[in-house]
């Protein structure tokens, strides 16, 4: 299931990076396909909806870095949002007050 999702997301994002210039329509179409791919992979519809909304807000509200094309910028945003979604924020190791047990 994850391989299929990976292939679909890779294909969608490759189409974006191949374009020199992105329009709002291009971004909407790509994010619609991303949302459908997530739903086909049994991702909760609220999670998929919120993820796409977050990516769209960042993509439309951000300036493109000089070193990146607009498509690469969207890929960067998708990567960062996926990482944030999967990690759930910052995680720190909390040392235990008890000594470790050797097995």
PDB file of N, CA and C in Angstrom:
ATOM      1  N   UNK A   1       0.820  -1.184   0.000  1.00  0.00           N
ATOM      2  CA  UNK A   1       0.000   0.000   0.000  1.00  0.00           C
ATOM      3  C   UNK A   1       0.870   1.257   0.000  1.00  0.00           C
ATOM      4  N   UNK A   2       1.923   1.262   0.816  1.00  0.00           N
ATOM      5  CA  UNK A   2       2.795   2.438   0.854  1.00  0.00           C
ATOM      6  C   UNK A   2       3.575   2.610  -0.439  1.00  0.00           C
ATOM      7  N   UNK A   3       3.928   1.496  -1.075  1.00  0.00           N
ATOM      8  CA  UNK A   3       4.642   1.594  -2.351  1.00  0.00           C
ATOM      9  C   UNK A   3       3.765   2.256  -3.401  1.00  0.00           C
ATOM     10  N   UNK A   4       2.492   1.891  -3.421  1.00  0.00           N
ATOM     11  CA  UNK A   4       1.550   2.472  -4.370  1.00  0.00           C
ATOM     12  C   UNK A   4       1.390   3.971  -4.108  1.00  0.00           C
ATOM     13  N   UNK A   5       1.259   4.347  -2.848  1.00  0.00           N
ATOM     14  CA  UNK A   5       1.137   5.763  -2.490  1.00  0.00           C
ATOM     15  C   UNK A   5       2.403   6.518  -2.871  1.00  0.00           C
ATOM     16  N   UNK A   6       3.542   5.916  -2.615  1.00  0.00           N
ATOM     17  CA  UNK A   6       4.813   6.547  -2.968  1.00  0.00           C
ATOM     18  C   UNK A   6       4.903   6.788  -4.466  1.00  0.00           C
ATOM     19  N   UNK A   7       4.531   5.776  -5.254  1.00  0.00           N
ATOM     20  CA  UNK A   7       4.573   5.916  -6.715  1.00  0.00           C
ATOM     21  C   UNK A   7       3.645   7.023  -7.197  1.00  0.00           C
ATOM     22  N   UNK A   8       2.446   7.078  -6.634  1.00  0.00           N
ATOM     23  CA  UNK A   8       1.486   8.104  -7.053  1.00  0.00           C
ATOM     24  C   UNK A   8       1.978   9.500  -6.688  1.00  0.00           C
ATOM     25  N   UNK A   9       2.449   9.664  -5.447  1.00  0.00           N
ATOM     26  CA  UNK A   9       2.937  10.981  -5.027  1.00  0.00           C
ATOM     27  C   UNK A   9       4.152  11.403  -5.844  1.00  0.00           C
ATOM     28  N   UNK A  10       5.032  10.465  -6.119  1.00  0.00           N
ATOM     29  CA  UNK A  10       6.214  10.769  -6.925  1.00  0.00           C
ATOM     30  C   UNK A  10       5.806  11.220  -8.319  1.00  0.00           C
ATOM     31  N   UNK A  11       4.862  10.522  -8.925  1.00  0.00           N
ATOM     32  CA  UNK A  11       4.389  10.898 -10.258  1.00  0.00           C
ATOM     33  C   UNK A  11       3.757  12.275 -10.280  1.00  0.00           C
ATOM     34  N   UNK A  12       2.930  12.561  -9.285  1.00  0.00           N
ATOM     35  CA  UNK A  12       2.261  13.866  -9.209  1.00  0.00           C
ATOM     36  C   UNK A  12       3.287  14.976  -9.045  1.00  0.00           C
ATOM     37  N   UNK A  13       4.229  14.777  -8.135  1.00  0.00           N
ATOM     38  CA  UNK A  13       5.214  15.828  -7.863  1.00  0.00           C
ATOM     39  C   UNK A  13       6.207  15.985  -9.008  1.00  0.00           C
ATOM     40  N   UNK A  14       6.496  14.894  -9.723  1.00  0.00           N
ATOM     41  CA  UNK A  14       7.376  15.003 -10.896  1.00  0.00           C
ATOM     42  C   UNK A  14       6.736  15.855 -11.984  1.00  0.00           C
ATOM     43  N   UNK A  15       5.412  15.738 -12.135  1.00  0.00           N
ATOM     44  CA  UNK A  15       4.714  16.573 -13.119  1.00  0.00           C
ATOM     45  C   UNK A  15       4.846  18.050 -12.760  1.00  0.00           C
ATOM     46  N   UNK A  16       4.789  18.349 -11.465  1.00  0.00           N
ATOM     47  CA  UNK A  16       4.925  19.745 -11.041  1.00  0.00           C
ATOM     48  C   UNK A  16       6.328  20.281 -11.295  1.00  0.00           C
ATOM     49  N   UNK A  17       7.335  19.467 -11.009  1.00  0.00           N
ATOM     50  CA  UNK A  17       8.707  19.952 -11.161  1.00  0.00           C
ATOM     51  C   UNK A  17       9.102  20.085 -12.619  1.00  0.00           C
ATOM     52  N   UNK A  18       8.386  19.393 -13.513  1.00  0.00           N
ATOM     53  CA  UNK A  18       8.734  19.492 -14.932  1.00  0.00           C
ATOM     54  C   UNK A  18       8.217  20.786 -15.560  1.00  0.00           C
ATOM     55  N   UNK A  19       7.309  21.455 -14.881  1.00  0.00           N
ATOM     56  CA  UNK A  19       6.772  22.707 -15.409  1.00  0.00           C
ATOM     57  C   UNK A  19       7.647  23.869 -14.950  1.00  0.00           C
ATOM     58  N   UNK A  20       7.913  24.776 -15.849  1.00  0.00           N
ATOM     59  CA  UNK A  20       8.723  25.934 -15.495  1.00  0.00           C
ATOM     60  C   UNK A  20       7.959  26.960 -14.690  1.00  0.00           C
ATOM     61  N   UNK A  21       6.669  27.027 -14.937  1.00  0.00           N
ATOM     62  CA  UNK A  21       5.841  28.019 -14.267  1.00  0.00           C
ATOM     63  C   UNK A  21       4.568  27.335 -13.773  1.00  0.00           C
ATOM     64  N   UNK A  22       4.163  27.625 -12.546  1.00  0.00           N
ATOM     65  CA  UNK A  22       2.968  27.013 -11.988  1.00  0.00           C
ATOM     66  C   UNK A  22       1.863  28.045 -11.838  1.00  0.00           C
ATOM     67  N   UNK A  23       0.659  27.622 -12.161  1.00  0.00           N
ATOM     68  CA  UNK A  23      -0.506  28.470 -11.938  1.00  0.00           C
ATOM     69  C   UNK A  23      -1.273  27.921 -10.736  1.00  0.00           C
ATOM     70  N   UNK A  24      -2.227  28.702 -10.250  1.00  0.00           N
ATOM     71  CA  UNK A  24      -3.075  28.219  -9.162  1.00  0.00           C
ATOM     72  C   UNK A  24      -3.815  26.953  -9.582  1.00  0.00           C
ATOM     73  N   UNK A  25      -4.201  26.888 -10.850  1.00  0.00           N
ATOM     74  CA  UNK A  25      -4.909  25.715 -11.370  1.00  0.00           C
ATOM     75  C   UNK A  25      -4.011  24.477 -11.306  1.00  0.00           C
ATOM     76  N   UNK A  26      -2.722  24.633 -11.670  1.00  0.00           N
ATOM     77  CA  UNK A  26      -1.780  23.507 -11.606  1.00  0.00           C
ATOM     78  C   UNK A  26      -1.667  22.981 -10.178  1.00  0.00           C
ATOM     79  N   UNK A  27      -1.553  23.905  -9.236  1.00  0.00           N
ATOM     80  CA  UNK A  27      -1.415  23.515  -7.830  1.00  0.00           C
ATOM     81  C   UNK A  27      -2.694  22.841  -7.344  1.00  0.00           C
ATOM     82  N   UNK A  28      -3.859  23.405  -7.693  1.00  0.00           N
ATOM     83  CA  UNK A  28      -5.136  22.804  -7.287  1.00  0.00           C
ATOM     84  C   UNK A  28      -5.300  21.394  -7.843  1.00  0.00           C
ATOM     85  N   UNK A  29      -4.960  21.203  -9.122  1.00  0.00           N
ATOM     86  CA  UNK A  29      -5.074  19.872  -9.733  1.00  0.00           C
ATOM     87  C   UNK A  29      -4.140  18.877  -9.054  1.00  0.00           C
ATOM     88  N   UNK A  30      -2.902  19.289  -8.823  1.00  0.00           N
ATOM     89  CA  UNK A  30      -1.929  18.391  -8.197  1.00  0.00           C
ATOM     90  C   UNK A  30      -2.353  18.034  -6.777  1.00  0.00           C
ATOM     91  N   UNK A  31      -2.810  19.024  -6.021  1.00  0.00           N
ATOM     92  CA  UNK A  31      -3.219  18.742  -4.646  1.00  0.00           C
ATOM     93  C   UNK A  31      -4.499  17.914  -4.600  1.00  0.00           C
ATOM     94  N   UNK A  32      -5.361  18.065  -5.595  1.00  0.00           N
ATOM     95  CA  UNK A  32      -6.541  17.202  -5.686  1.00  0.00           C
ATOM     96  C   UNK A  32      -6.134  15.754  -5.907  1.00  0.00           C
ATOM     97  N   UNK A  33      -5.138  15.548  -6.764  1.00  0.00           N
ATOM     98  CA  UNK A  33      -4.641  14.188  -7.002  1.00  0.00           C
ATOM     99  C   UNK A  33      -3.945  13.643  -5.759  1.00  0.00           C
ATOM    100  N   UNK A  34      -3.223  14.504  -5.032  1.00  0.00           N
ATOM    101  CA  UNK A  34      -2.577  14.076  -3.784  1.00  0.00           C
ATOM    102  C   UNK A  34      -3.651  13.640  -2.786  1.00  0.00           C
ATOM    103  N   UNK A  35      -4.705  14.428  -2.653  1.00  0.00           N
ATOM    104  CA  UNK A  35      -5.788  14.097  -1.726  1.00  0.00           C
ATOM    105  C   UNK A  35      -6.430  12.761  -2.099  1.00  0.00           C
ATOM    106  N   UNK A  36      -6.708  12.556  -3.383  1.00  0.00           N
ATOM    107  CA  UNK A  36      -7.292  11.284  -3.824  1.00  0.00           C
ATOM    108  C   UNK A  36      -6.346  10.118  -3.543  1.00  0.00           C
ATOM    109  N   UNK A  37      -5.056  10.330  -3.765  1.00  0.00           N
ATOM    110  CA  UNK A  37      -4.073   9.268  -3.505  1.00  0.00           C
ATOM    111  C   UNK A  37      -4.035   8.914  -2.025  1.00  0.00           C
ATOM    112  N   UNK A  38      -4.106   9.928  -1.175  1.00  0.00           N
ATOM    113  CA  UNK A  38      -4.117   9.672   0.269  1.00  0.00           C
ATOM    114  C   UNK A  38      -5.381   8.913   0.671  1.00  0.00           C
ATOM    115  N   UNK A  39      -6.516   9.307   0.122  1.00  0.00           N
ATOM    116  CA  UNK A  39      -7.771   8.624   0.446  1.00  0.00           C
ATOM    117  C   UNK A  39      -7.762   7.183  -0.051  1.00  0.00           C
ATOM    118  N   UNK A  40      -7.184   6.934  -1.231  1.00  0.00           N
ATOM    119  CA  UNK A  40      -7.077   5.569  -1.752  1.00  0.00           C
ATOM    120  C   UNK A  40      -6.168   4.713  -0.885  1.00  0.00           C
ATOM    121  N   UNK A  41      -5.242   5.362  -0.172  1.00  0.00           N
ATOM    122  CA  UNK A  41      -4.335   4.641   0.724  1.00  0.00           C
ATOM    123  C   UNK A  41      -4.927   4.520   2.131  1.00  0.00           C
ATOM    124  N   UNK A  42      -6.232   4.779   2.248  1.00  0.00           N
ATOM    125  CA  UNK A  42      -6.970   4.657   3.512  1.00  0.00           C
ATOM    126  C   UNK A  42      -6.534   5.656   4.577  1.00  0.00           C
ATOM    127  N   UNK A  43      -6.075   6.814   4.159  1.00  0.00           N
ATOM    128  CA  UNK A  43      -5.795   7.891   5.106  1.00  0.00           C
ATOM    129  C   UNK A  43      -7.135   8.525   5.458  1.00  0.00           C
ATOM    130  N   UNK A  44      -7.332   8.842   6.723  1.00  0.00           N
ATOM    131  CA  UNK A  44      -8.564   9.478   7.174  1.00  0.00           C
ATOM    132  C   UNK A  44      -8.831  10.724   6.345  1.00  0.00           C
ATOM    133  N   UNK A  45     -10.095  10.929   5.958  1.00  0.00           N
ATOM    134  CA  UNK A  45     -10.401  12.044   5.054  1.00  0.00           C
ATOM    135  C   UNK A  45     -10.108  13.393   5.689  1.00  0.00           C
ATOM    136  N   UNK A  46     -10.251  13.510   7.010  1.00  0.00           N
ATOM    137  CA  UNK A  46      -9.933  14.783   7.677  1.00  0.00           C
ATOM    138  C   UNK A  46      -8.433  15.060   7.623  1.00  0.00           C
ATOM    139  N   UNK A  47      -7.658  14.015   7.821  1.00  0.00           N
ATOM    140  CA  UNK A  47      -6.200  14.164   7.762  1.00  0.00           C
ATOM    141  C   UNK A  47      -5.782  14.571   6.355  1.00  0.00           C
ATOM    142  N   UNK A  48      -6.350  13.907   5.347  1.00  0.00           N
ATOM    143  CA  UNK A  48      -6.027  14.241   3.952  1.00  0.00           C
ATOM    144  C   UNK A  48      -6.450  15.668   3.633  1.00  0.00           C
ATOM    145  N   UNK A  49      -7.648  16.048   4.049  1.00  0.00           N
ATOM    146  CA  UNK A  49      -8.158  17.403   3.795  1.00  0.00           C
ATOM    147  C   UNK A  49      -7.275  18.455   4.466  1.00  0.00           C
ATOM    148  N   UNK A  50      -6.932  18.230   5.739  1.00  0.00           N
ATOM    149  CA  UNK A  50      -6.106  19.192   6.469  1.00  0.00           C
ATOM    150  C   UNK A  50      -4.700  19.278   5.887  1.00  0.00           C
ATOM    151  N   UNK A  51      -4.167  18.128   5.466  1.00  0.00           N
ATOM    152  CA  UNK A  51      -2.835  18.108   4.867  1.00  0.00           C
ATOM    153  C   UNK A  51      -2.810  18.929   3.586  1.00  0.00           C
ATOM    154  N   UNK A  52      -3.783  18.692   2.716  1.00  0.00           N
ATOM    155  CA  UNK A  52      -3.848  19.416   1.439  1.00  0.00           C
ATOM    156  C   UNK A  52      -4.061  20.908   1.687  1.00  0.00           C
ATOM    157  N   UNK A  53      -4.899  21.246   2.656  1.00  0.00           N
ATOM    158  CA  UNK A  53      -5.143  22.661   2.967  1.00  0.00           C
ATOM    159  C   UNK A  53      -3.871  23.339   3.468  1.00  0.00           C
ATOM    160  N   UNK A  54      -3.104  22.637   4.299  1.00  0.00           N
ATOM    161  CA  UNK A  54      -1.861  23.209   4.819  1.00  0.00           C
ATOM    162  C   UNK A  54      -0.841  23.411   3.702  1.00  0.00           C
ATOM    163  N   UNK A  55      -0.723  22.429   2.818  1.00  0.00           N
ATOM    164  CA  UNK A  55       0.220  22.552   1.697  1.00  0.00           C
ATOM    165  C   UNK A  55      -0.198  23.700   0.784  1.00  0.00           C
ATOM    166  N   UNK A  56      -1.488  23.782   0.488  1.00  0.00           N
ATOM    167  CA  UNK A  56      -1.976  24.837  -0.408  1.00  0.00           C
ATOM    168  C   UNK A  56      -1.741  26.217   0.194  1.00  0.00           C
ATOM    169  N   UNK A  57      -2.021  26.372   1.470  1.00  0.00           N
ATOM    170  CA  UNK A  57      -1.820  27.665   2.125  1.00  0.00           C
ATOM    171  C   UNK A  57      -0.353  28.079   2.084  1.00  0.00           C
ATOM    172  N   UNK A  58       0.528  27.132   2.346  1.00  0.00           N
ATOM    173  CA  UNK A  58       1.958  27.446   2.308  1.00  0.00           C
ATOM    174  C   UNK A  58       2.442  27.693   0.894  1.00  0.00           C
ATOM    175  N   UNK A  59       1.935  26.918  -0.064  1.00  0.00           N
ATOM    176  CA  UNK A  59       2.396  27.052  -1.452  1.00  0.00           C
ATOM    177  C   UNK A  59       1.957  28.380  -2.050  1.00  0.00           C
ATOM    178  N   UNK A  60       0.733  28.791  -1.774  1.00  0.00           N
ATOM    179  CA  UNK A  60       0.238  30.035  -2.351  1.00  0.00           C
ATOM    180  C   UNK A  60       0.738  31.256  -1.591  1.00  0.00           C
ATOM    181  N   UNK A  61       1.102  31.072  -0.333  1.00  0.00           N
ATOM    182  CA  UNK A  61       1.520  32.212   0.467  1.00  0.00           C
ATOM    183  C   UNK A  61       3.013  32.391   0.587  1.00  0.00           C
ATOM    184  N   UNK A  62       3.787  31.544  -0.072  1.00  0.00           N
ATOM    185  CA  UNK A  62       5.236  31.626   0.099  1.00  0.00           C
ATOM    186  C   UNK A  62       5.906  32.199  -1.141  1.00  0.00           C
ATOM    187  N   UNK A  63       7.026  32.841  -0.909  1.00  0.00           N
ATOM    188  CA  UNK A  63       7.859  33.305  -2.009  1.00  0.00           C
ATOM    189  C   UNK A  63       8.748  32.149  -2.443  1.00  0.00           C
ATOM    190  N   UNK A  64       8.979  32.050  -3.727  1.00  0.00           N
ATOM    191  CA  UNK A  64       9.828  30.983  -4.248  1.00  0.00           C
ATOM    192  C   UNK A  64      11.281  31.350  -3.998  1.00  0.00           C
ATOM    193  N   UNK A  65      12.009  30.414  -3.418  1.00  0.00           N
ATOM    194  CA  UNK A  65      13.429  30.647  -3.197  1.00  0.00           C
ATOM    195  C   UNK A  65      14.131  30.767  -4.537  1.00  0.00           C
ATOM    196  N   UNK A  66      15.148  31.592  -4.587  1.00  0.00           N
ATOM    197  CA  UNK A  66      15.846  31.815  -5.857  1.00  0.00           C
ATOM    198  C   UNK A  66      16.496  30.556  -6.404  1.00  0.00           C
ATOM    199  N   UNK A  67      16.897  29.659  -5.516  1.00  0.00           N
ATOM    200  CA  UNK A  67      17.598  28.458  -5.963  1.00  0.00           C
ATOM    201  C   UNK A  67      16.644  27.340  -6.395  1.00  0.00           C
ATOM    202  N   UNK A  68      15.332  27.525  -6.213  1.00  0.00           N
ATOM    203  CA  UNK A  68      14.361  26.489  -6.548  1.00  0.00           C
ATOM    204  C   UNK A  68      13.384  26.972  -7.610  1.00  0.00           C
ATOM    205  N   UNK A  69      12.895  26.022  -8.401  1.00  0.00           N
ATOM    206  CA  UNK A  69      11.800  26.330  -9.317  1.00  0.00           C
ATOM    207  C   UNK A  69      10.501  26.283  -8.504  1.00  0.00           C
ATOM    208  N   UNK A  70       9.412  26.827  -9.030  1.00  0.00           N
ATOM    209  CA  UNK A  70       8.145  26.747  -8.292  1.00  0.00           C
ATOM    210  C   UNK A  70       7.724  25.311  -7.977  1.00  0.00           C
ATOM    211  N   UNK A  71       7.944  24.394  -8.906  1.00  0.00           N
ATOM    212  CA  UNK A  71       7.607  22.992  -8.663  1.00  0.00           C
ATOM    213  C   UNK A  71       8.431  22.391  -7.542  1.00  0.00           C
ATOM    214  N   UNK A  72       9.712  22.718  -7.518  1.00  0.00           N
ATOM    215  CA  UNK A  72      10.577  22.220  -6.453  1.00  0.00           C
ATOM    216  C   UNK A  72      10.161  22.798  -5.104  1.00  0.00           C
ATOM    217  N   UNK A  73       9.693  24.037  -5.111  1.00  0.00           N
ATOM    218  CA  UNK A  73       9.227  24.669  -3.878  1.00  0.00           C
ATOM    219  C   UNK A  73       8.009  23.915  -3.329  1.00  0.00           C
ATOM    220  N   UNK A  74       7.090  23.523  -4.211  1.00  0.00           N
ATOM    221  CA  UNK A  74       5.909  22.768  -3.774  1.00  0.00           C
ATOM    222  C   UNK A  74       6.331  21.403  -3.238  1.00  0.00           C
ATOM    223  N   UNK A  75       7.271  20.753  -3.900  1.00  0.00           N
ATOM    224  CA  UNK A  75       7.778  19.462  -3.424  1.00  0.00           C
ATOM    225  C   UNK A  75       8.384  19.624  -2.033  1.00  0.00           C
ATOM    226  N   UNK A  76       9.125  20.682  -1.826  1.00  0.00           N
ATOM    227  CA  UNK A  76       9.733  20.962  -0.518  1.00  0.00           C
ATOM    228  C   UNK A  76       8.651  21.135   0.545  1.00  0.00           C
ATOM    229  N   UNK A  77       7.598  21.870   0.207  1.00  0.00           N
ATOM    230  CA  UNK A  77       6.510  22.095   1.157  1.00  0.00           C
ATOM    231  C   UNK A  77       5.793  20.787   1.474  1.00  0.00           C
ATOM    232  N   UNK A  78       5.519  19.966   0.452  1.00  0.00           N
ATOM    233  CA  UNK A  78       4.869  18.671   0.667  1.00  0.00           C
ATOM    234  C   UNK A  78       5.737  17.803   1.573  1.00  0.00           C
ATOM    235  N   UNK A  79       7.023  17.778   1.329  1.00  0.00           N
ATOM    236  CA  UNK A  79       7.943  16.990   2.157  1.00  0.00           C
ATOM    237  C   UNK A  79       7.895  17.451   3.608  1.00  0.00           C
ATOM    238  N   UNK A  80       7.967  18.759   3.825  1.00  0.00           N
ATOM    239  CA  UNK A  80       7.957  19.289   5.186  1.00  0.00           C
ATOM    240  C   UNK A  80       6.632  18.997   5.890  1.00  0.00           C
ATOM    241  N   UNK A  81       5.521  19.127   5.179  1.00  0.00           N
ATOM    242  CA  UNK A  81       4.212  18.860   5.783  1.00  0.00           C
ATOM    243  C   UNK A  81       4.036  17.371   6.083  1.00  0.00           C
ATOM    244  N   UNK A  82       4.504  16.497   5.185  1.00  0.00           N
ATOM    245  CA  UNK A  82       4.436  15.053   5.454  1.00  0.00           C
ATOM    246  C   UNK A  82       5.284  14.685   6.665  1.00  0.00           C
ATOM    247  N   UNK A  83       6.469  15.255   6.740  1.00  0.00           N
ATOM    248  CA  UNK A  83       7.342  14.991   7.879  1.00  0.00           C
ATOM    249  C   UNK A  83       6.690  15.451   9.171  1.00  0.00           C
ATOM    250  N   UNK A  84       6.113  16.632   9.149  1.00  0.00           N
ATOM    251  CA  UNK A  84       5.432  17.162  10.328  1.00  0.00           C
ATOM    252  C   UNK A  84       4.241  16.291  10.713  1.00  0.00           C
ATOM    253  N   UNK A  85       3.484  15.853   9.721  1.00  0.00           N
ATOM    254  CA  UNK A  85       2.313  15.019   9.967  1.00  0.00           C
ATOM    255  C   UNK A  85       2.710  13.674  10.574  1.00  0.00           C
ATOM    256  N   UNK A  86       3.754  13.068  10.041  1.00  0.00           N
ATOM    257  CA  UNK A  86       4.154  11.735  10.490  1.00  0.00           C
ATOM    258  C   UNK A  86       4.895  11.746  11.819  1.00  0.00           C
ATOM    259  N   UNK A  87       5.609  12.821  12.111  1.00  0.00           N
ATOM    260  CA  UNK A  87       6.343  12.875  13.374  1.00  0.00           C
ATOM    261  C   UNK A  87       5.497  13.457  14.490  1.00  0.00           C
ATOM    262  N   UNK A  88       4.473  14.198  14.145  1.00  0.00           N
ATOM    263  CA  UNK A  88       3.603  14.763  15.172  1.00  0.00           C
ATOM    264  C   UNK A  88       4.263  15.850  15.990  1.00  0.00           C
ATOM    265  N   UNK A  89       5.245  16.489  15.458  1.00  0.00           N
ATOM    266  CA  UNK A  89       5.913  17.573  16.174  1.00  0.00           C
ATOM    267  C   UNK A  89       7.266  17.143  16.694  1.00  0.00           C
ATOM    268  N   UNK A  90       7.709  17.863  17.674  1.00  0.00           N
ATOM    269  CA  UNK A  90       9.049  17.624  18.213  1.00  0.00           C
ATOM    270  C   UNK A  90       9.002  16.504  19.247  1.00  0.00           C
ATOM    271  N   UNK A  91       9.942  15.590  19.149  1.00  0.00           N
ATOM    272  CA  UNK A  91      10.060  14.492  20.101  1.00  0.00           C
ATOM    273  C   UNK A  91      11.452  14.533  20.708  1.00  0.00           C
ATOM    274  N   UNK A  92      11.478  14.460  22.005  1.00  0.00           N
ATOM    275  CA  UNK A  92      12.771  14.430  22.691  1.00  0.00           C
ATOM    276  C   UNK A  92      12.870  13.148  23.505  1.00  0.00           C
ATOM    277  N   UNK A  93      14.079  12.663  23.633  1.00  0.00           N
ATOM    278  CA  UNK A  93      14.316  11.511  24.487  1.00  0.00           C
ATOM    279  C   UNK A  93      14.340  11.980  25.932  1.00  0.00           C
ATOM    280  N   UNK A  94      13.576  11.302  26.753  1.00  0.00           N
ATOM    281  CA  UNK A  94      13.540  11.641  28.170  1.00  0.00           C
ATOM    282  C   UNK A  94      14.275  10.537  28.909  1.00  0.00           C
ATOM    283  N   UNK A  95      15.394  10.894  29.546  1.00  0.00           N
ATOM    284  CA  UNK A  95      16.140   9.856  30.260  1.00  0.00           C
ATOM    285  C   UNK A  95      15.336   9.342  31.456  1.00  0.00           C
ATOM    286  N   UNK A  96      15.435   8.062  31.677  1.00  0.00           N
ATOM    287  CA  UNK A  96      14.728   7.432  32.780  1.00  0.00           C
ATOM    288  C   UNK A  96      15.484   7.667  34.076  1.00  0.00           C
ATOM    289  N   UNK A  97      14.737   7.789  35.146  1.00  0.00           N
ATOM    290  CA  UNK A  97      15.384   7.968  36.452  1.00  0.00           C
ATOM    291  C   UNK A  97      15.851   6.633  37.012  1.00  0.00           C
ATOM    292  N   UNK A  98      15.378   5.534  36.432  1.00  0.00           N
ATOM    293  CA  UNK A  98      15.768   4.209  36.890  1.00  0.00           C
ATOM    294  C   UNK A  98      16.892   3.677  36.007  1.00  0.00           C
ATOM    295  N   UNK A  99      17.787   2.897  36.589  1.00  0.00           N
ATOM    296  CA  UNK A  99      18.867   2.335  35.773  1.00  0.00           C
ATOM    297  C   UNK A  99      18.317   1.320  34.772  1.00  0.00           C
ATOM    298  N   UNK A 100      19.040   1.148  33.693  1.00  0.00           N
ATOM    299  CA  UNK A 100      18.617   0.184  32.680  1.00  0.00           C
ATOM    300  C   UNK A 100      18.890  -1.229  33.156  1.00  0.00           C
ATOM    301  N   UNK A 101      18.128  -2.156  32.648  1.00  0.00           N
ATOM    302  CA  UNK A 101      18.293  -3.563  32.996  1.00  0.00           C
ATOM    303  C   UNK A 101      18.958  -4.289  31.848  1.00  0.00           C
ATOM    304  N   UNK A 102      19.987  -5.029  32.150  1.00  0.00           N
ATOM    305  CA  UNK A 102      20.656  -5.844  31.141  1.00  0.00           C
ATOM    306  C   UNK A 102      19.945  -7.184  31.064  1.00  0.00           C
ATOM    307  N   UNK A 103      19.737  -7.640  29.839  1.00  0.00           N
ATOM    308  CA  UNK A 103      19.067  -8.936  29.667  1.00  0.00           C
ATOM    309  C   UNK A 103      20.089  -9.955  29.247  1.00  0.00           C
TER     310      UNK A 103
END
